[in-house]
Structures are given as C-alpha cells and as structure tokens.
Amino acid sequence: MIIASHRFDDGLVLVNRVLEMGSGRIVLDDRVAEDQKISALFQVPLTLARADAAMASSGTVGTVSGPDRLRFMGMVSRYVGLLSRIEMKEVDPAVTLQ
C-alpha cells in the first residue's frame, strides 16, 4: 500500500518504509525503526564549518519531533559538507517547551 502525505507524523505509525521525493527524484528511501517514539522531542544543536544562508533559513537548530527525525536527517544530509558537529538529545517528557 502506498500512502502519499505531506503530514509525515500522521502516517509514521502506519508505515515501515519511507520514500521522500524532491524535484521528481527519490531523495530518501529508508526503513522506519520499530521503536519509534511518536511523542519524543529532540534538541538538535548544529555547528557549521562555515555560515550558509540555506541552512540558516531552514530552521535546523531547535527542536525536532520523533516522527520528523527521518525527514530532518534527510534534509541535513544534503548539507553534510557544512557540518562540523550535530547532536540529538531527547528532551525529558516532563519538560514543557515553549
């Protein structure tokens, strides 16, 4: 069965494989981990080797939801040459983010 959606987090519980397309080409083809935490949030600080306008405008530093991890990492992989450090730390569920 194929599910096409822009709402990645809604479909994640229904699938075991994700294909992402960009400009008519498959840019991501991956399996979904069985232990995916739908409600998890991750703080994702990035350190860039040099400043880049595309990375700055993509909102890559901040919080990423559990279901968006795969899409986020796919986007970051396109800029891997700019990265000098990336870290994903799960946020304690008791902490309220604003």
N, C-alpha and C. Protein backbone atom coordinates (compact mmCIF):
# COMPACT_ATOMS: atom_id res chain seq x y z
N MET A 1 0.84 -1.16 0.00
CA MET A 1 0.00 0.00 0.00
C MET A 1 0.89 1.23 0.00
N ILE A 2 0.54 2.23 -0.74
CA ILE A 2 1.29 3.49 -0.79
C ILE A 2 0.43 4.58 -0.17
N ILE A 3 1.03 5.32 0.74
CA ILE A 3 0.37 6.47 1.35
C ILE A 3 1.19 7.69 0.98
N ALA A 4 0.56 8.66 0.33
CA ALA A 4 1.25 9.90 -0.02
C ALA A 4 0.73 11.00 0.88
N SER A 5 1.64 11.67 1.58
CA SER A 5 1.21 12.70 2.52
C SER A 5 2.32 13.70 2.77
N HIS A 6 1.93 14.92 3.04
CA HIS A 6 2.88 15.94 3.49
C HIS A 6 2.89 16.00 5.01
N ARG A 7 1.99 15.28 5.64
CA ARG A 7 1.90 15.23 7.10
C ARG A 7 2.62 13.98 7.57
N PHE A 8 3.91 14.06 7.61
CA PHE A 8 4.79 12.93 7.89
C PHE A 8 4.46 12.25 9.22
N ASP A 9 4.21 13.04 10.26
CA ASP A 9 3.98 12.47 11.58
C ASP A 9 2.69 11.66 11.67
N ASP A 10 1.67 12.01 10.89
CA ASP A 10 0.41 11.27 10.92
C ASP A 10 0.56 9.87 10.35
N GLY A 11 1.34 9.72 9.31
CA GLY A 11 1.47 8.43 8.63
C GLY A 11 2.53 7.52 9.21
N LEU A 12 3.40 8.03 10.05
CA LEU A 12 4.54 7.25 10.54
C LEU A 12 4.12 5.99 11.28
N VAL A 13 3.04 6.04 12.03
CA VAL A 13 2.61 4.87 12.78
C VAL A 13 2.05 3.78 11.87
N LEU A 14 1.78 4.11 10.61
CA LEU A 14 1.17 3.16 9.68
C LEU A 14 2.17 2.49 8.74
N VAL A 15 3.41 2.98 8.71
CA VAL A 15 4.35 2.52 7.70
C VAL A 15 5.62 1.92 8.29
N ASN A 16 6.33 1.15 7.47
CA ASN A 16 7.63 0.63 7.88
C ASN A 16 8.73 1.04 6.91
N ARG A 17 8.35 1.84 5.90
CA ARG A 17 9.32 2.34 4.93
C ARG A 17 8.90 3.74 4.51
N VAL A 18 9.88 4.62 4.32
CA VAL A 18 9.61 6.00 3.93
C VAL A 18 10.40 6.34 2.69
N LEU A 19 9.72 6.89 1.68
CA LEU A 19 10.35 7.42 0.49
C LEU A 19 10.06 8.91 0.45
N GLU A 20 11.08 9.71 0.29
CA GLU A 20 10.89 11.16 0.17
C GLU A 20 11.34 11.57 -1.22
N MET A 21 10.52 12.40 -1.86
CA MET A 21 10.85 12.86 -3.21
C MET A 21 11.13 14.35 -3.20
N GLY A 22 12.02 14.75 -4.06
CA GLY A 22 12.35 16.15 -4.25
C GLY A 22 12.67 16.38 -5.71
N SER A 23 12.01 17.33 -6.33
CA SER A 23 12.21 17.63 -7.75
C SER A 23 12.03 16.40 -8.64
N GLY A 24 11.04 15.58 -8.31
CA GLY A 24 10.73 14.41 -9.12
C GLY A 24 11.67 13.23 -8.95
N ARG A 25 12.58 13.31 -7.99
CA ARG A 25 13.52 12.21 -7.75
C ARG A 25 13.39 11.74 -6.31
N ILE A 26 13.69 10.46 -6.08
CA ILE A 26 13.70 9.94 -4.71
C ILE A 26 14.97 10.42 -4.03
N VAL A 27 14.82 11.16 -2.94
CA VAL A 27 15.97 11.69 -2.22
C VAL A 27 16.19 10.97 -0.89
N LEU A 28 15.20 10.16 -0.48
CA LEU A 28 15.33 9.41 0.76
C LEU A 28 14.53 8.14 0.62
N ASP A 29 15.13 7.00 0.92
CA ASP A 29 14.48 5.70 0.90
C ASP A 29 14.99 4.95 2.11
N ASP A 30 14.15 4.81 3.12
CA ASP A 30 14.63 4.24 4.37
C ASP A 30 13.53 3.45 5.08
N ARG A 31 13.94 2.59 5.94
CA ARG A 31 13.04 1.83 6.80
C ARG A 31 12.78 2.63 8.07
N VAL A 32 11.62 2.42 8.67
CA VAL A 32 11.27 3.10 9.91
C VAL A 32 11.58 2.15 11.06
N ALA A 33 12.31 2.64 12.05
CA ALA A 33 12.67 1.83 13.21
C ALA A 33 11.42 1.43 13.98
N GLU A 34 11.41 0.20 14.46
CA GLU A 34 10.26 -0.31 15.20
C GLU A 34 10.04 0.40 16.53
N ASP A 35 11.09 0.92 17.12
CA ASP A 35 10.96 1.54 18.44
C ASP A 35 10.77 3.05 18.37
N GLN A 36 10.22 3.53 17.28
CA GLN A 36 10.00 4.97 17.07
C GLN A 36 9.09 5.53 18.15
N LYS A 37 9.54 6.55 18.85
CA LYS A 37 8.74 7.21 19.87
C LYS A 37 8.02 8.38 19.21
N ILE A 38 6.73 8.25 19.05
CA ILE A 38 5.95 9.28 18.38
C ILE A 38 5.94 10.58 19.17
N SER A 39 5.92 10.48 20.49
CA SER A 39 5.80 11.69 21.30
C SER A 39 7.14 12.31 21.69
N ALA A 40 8.25 11.68 21.31
CA ALA A 40 9.57 12.18 21.71
C ALA A 40 9.90 13.51 21.02
N LEU A 41 10.62 14.34 21.73
CA LEU A 41 11.16 15.59 21.18
C LEU A 41 12.66 15.59 21.38
N PHE A 42 13.37 16.16 20.41
CA PHE A 42 14.83 16.19 20.47
C PHE A 42 15.34 17.61 20.27
N GLN A 43 16.28 18.02 21.11
CA GLN A 43 17.01 19.26 20.90
C GLN A 43 18.13 18.92 19.93
N VAL A 44 18.28 19.73 18.89
CA VAL A 44 19.27 19.43 17.85
C VAL A 44 20.14 20.65 17.57
N PRO A 45 21.20 20.81 18.35
CA PRO A 45 22.15 21.89 18.03
C PRO A 45 23.10 21.44 16.92
N LEU A 46 23.30 22.31 15.95
CA LEU A 46 24.23 22.05 14.85
C LEU A 46 25.36 23.06 14.91
N THR A 47 26.55 22.63 14.57
CA THR A 47 27.68 23.54 14.42
C THR A 47 28.12 23.45 12.97
N LEU A 48 28.14 24.59 12.31
CA LEU A 48 28.53 24.62 10.90
C LEU A 48 29.99 24.99 10.76
N ALA A 49 30.64 24.41 9.76
CA ALA A 49 32.04 24.73 9.47
C ALA A 49 32.15 26.15 8.92
N ARG A 50 31.09 26.60 8.23
CA ARG A 50 31.04 27.98 7.73
C ARG A 50 29.58 28.39 7.63
N ALA A 51 29.33 29.67 7.65
CA ALA A 51 27.96 30.19 7.57
C ALA A 51 27.37 29.89 6.20
N ASP A 52 26.06 29.59 6.19
CA ASP A 52 25.38 29.31 4.93
C ASP A 52 23.93 29.77 5.05
N ALA A 53 23.48 30.57 4.10
CA ALA A 53 22.13 31.14 4.13
C ALA A 53 21.06 30.06 4.06
N ALA A 54 21.26 29.02 3.25
CA ALA A 54 20.25 27.95 3.12
C ALA A 54 20.05 27.22 4.44
N MET A 55 21.12 26.92 5.14
CA MET A 55 21.00 26.24 6.43
C MET A 55 20.37 27.17 7.46
N ALA A 56 20.71 28.42 7.43
CA ALA A 56 20.17 29.37 8.41
C ALA A 56 18.66 29.53 8.23
N SER A 57 18.17 29.48 7.00
CA SER A 57 16.75 29.69 6.76
C SER A 57 15.93 28.42 6.90
N SER A 58 16.57 27.26 7.05
CA SER A 58 15.82 26.01 7.09
C SER A 58 15.36 25.63 8.49
N GLY A 59 15.72 26.41 9.51
CA GLY A 59 15.26 26.13 10.86
C GLY A 59 15.85 24.85 11.43
N THR A 60 17.12 24.59 11.18
CA THR A 60 17.71 23.32 11.56
C THR A 60 18.19 23.27 13.01
N VAL A 61 18.24 24.38 13.69
CA VAL A 61 18.66 24.37 15.08
C VAL A 61 17.41 24.59 15.91
N GLY A 62 17.17 23.69 16.82
CA GLY A 62 15.98 23.81 17.66
C GLY A 62 15.47 22.45 18.06
N THR A 63 14.15 22.28 18.01
CA THR A 63 13.52 21.06 18.46
C THR A 63 12.96 20.29 17.26
N VAL A 64 13.19 18.98 17.25
CA VAL A 64 12.67 18.10 16.21
C VAL A 64 11.82 17.04 16.89
N SER A 65 10.61 16.79 16.37
CA SER A 65 9.75 15.77 16.96
C SER A 65 10.22 14.38 16.52
N GLY A 66 9.88 13.38 17.30
CA GLY A 66 10.25 12.00 16.99
C GLY A 66 9.91 11.59 15.57
N PRO A 67 8.67 11.82 15.11
CA PRO A 67 8.31 11.42 13.76
C PRO A 67 9.06 12.20 12.67
N ASP A 68 9.55 13.39 12.98
CA ASP A 68 10.23 14.20 11.98
C ASP A 68 11.73 13.93 11.90
N ARG A 69 12.24 13.02 12.74
CA ARG A 69 13.69 12.75 12.74
C ARG A 69 14.19 12.30 11.38
N LEU A 70 13.47 11.40 10.75
CA LEU A 70 13.91 10.87 9.46
C LEU A 70 13.96 11.95 8.40
N ARG A 71 12.92 12.75 8.32
CA ARG A 71 12.88 13.84 7.34
C ARG A 71 13.97 14.88 7.65
N PHE A 72 14.15 15.20 8.92
CA PHE A 72 15.17 16.15 9.33
C PHE A 72 16.57 15.68 8.92
N MET A 73 16.87 14.40 9.20
CA MET A 73 18.19 13.89 8.86
C MET A 73 18.39 13.83 7.35
N GLY A 74 17.32 13.58 6.60
CA GLY A 74 17.41 13.62 5.14
C GLY A 74 17.77 15.00 4.64
N MET A 75 17.15 16.02 5.24
CA MET A 75 17.44 17.41 4.86
C MET A 75 18.89 17.76 5.25
N VAL A 76 19.29 17.40 6.45
CA VAL A 76 20.65 17.72 6.90
C VAL A 76 21.70 17.03 6.03
N SER A 77 21.39 15.84 5.54
CA SER A 77 22.37 15.11 4.72
C SER A 77 22.73 15.87 3.45
N ARG A 78 21.84 16.72 2.97
CA ARG A 78 22.15 17.50 1.77
C ARG A 78 23.18 18.60 2.06
N TYR A 79 23.38 18.92 3.33
CA TYR A 79 24.32 19.96 3.73
C TYR A 79 25.48 19.39 4.55
N VAL A 80 25.73 18.11 4.45
CA VAL A 80 26.72 17.46 5.30
C VAL A 80 28.11 18.09 5.17
N GLY A 81 28.42 18.66 4.03
CA GLY A 81 29.72 19.31 3.84
C GLY A 81 29.90 20.55 4.69
N LEU A 82 28.80 21.11 5.17
CA LEU A 82 28.87 22.31 6.01
C LEU A 82 28.95 22.00 7.50
N LEU A 83 28.62 20.77 7.88
CA LEU A 83 28.55 20.41 9.29
C LEU A 83 29.89 20.08 9.89
N SER A 84 30.13 20.58 11.09
CA SER A 84 31.30 20.14 11.84
C SER A 84 30.86 19.37 13.08
N ARG A 85 29.56 19.55 13.48
CA ARG A 85 29.03 18.81 14.63
C ARG A 85 27.51 18.82 14.58
N ILE A 86 26.92 17.68 14.93
CA ILE A 86 25.47 17.57 15.08
C ILE A 86 25.20 16.68 16.29
N GLU A 87 24.19 17.01 17.04
CA GLU A 87 23.85 16.24 18.23
C GLU A 87 22.33 16.21 18.37
N MET A 88 21.79 15.07 18.77
CA MET A 88 20.36 14.94 19.03
C MET A 88 20.20 14.46 20.47
N LYS A 89 19.61 15.31 21.30
CA LYS A 89 19.40 14.95 22.70
C LYS A 89 17.90 14.89 22.96
N GLU A 90 17.42 13.73 23.46
CA GLU A 90 16.00 13.61 23.75
C GLU A 90 15.65 14.52 24.93
N VAL A 91 14.55 15.27 24.75
CA VAL A 91 14.09 16.17 25.79
C VAL A 91 13.27 15.38 26.80
N ASP A 92 13.51 15.61 28.07
CA ASP A 92 12.74 14.96 29.13
C ASP A 92 11.26 15.26 28.92
N PRO A 93 10.40 14.23 28.87
CA PRO A 93 8.96 14.45 28.63
C PRO A 93 8.31 15.33 29.68
N ALA A 94 8.91 15.45 30.86
CA ALA A 94 8.33 16.29 31.91
C ALA A 94 8.59 17.77 31.67
N VAL A 95 9.53 18.08 30.76
CA VAL A 95 9.87 19.48 30.47
C VAL A 95 8.92 20.03 29.41
N THR A 96 8.36 21.18 29.67
CA THR A 96 7.47 21.84 28.71
C THR A 96 8.27 22.81 27.88
N LEU A 97 8.26 22.63 26.56
CA LEU A 97 8.98 23.54 25.67
C LEU A 97 8.06 24.65 25.20
N GLN A 98 8.62 25.84 25.07
CA GLN A 98 7.81 26.97 24.59
C GLN A 98 8.33 27.45 23.27
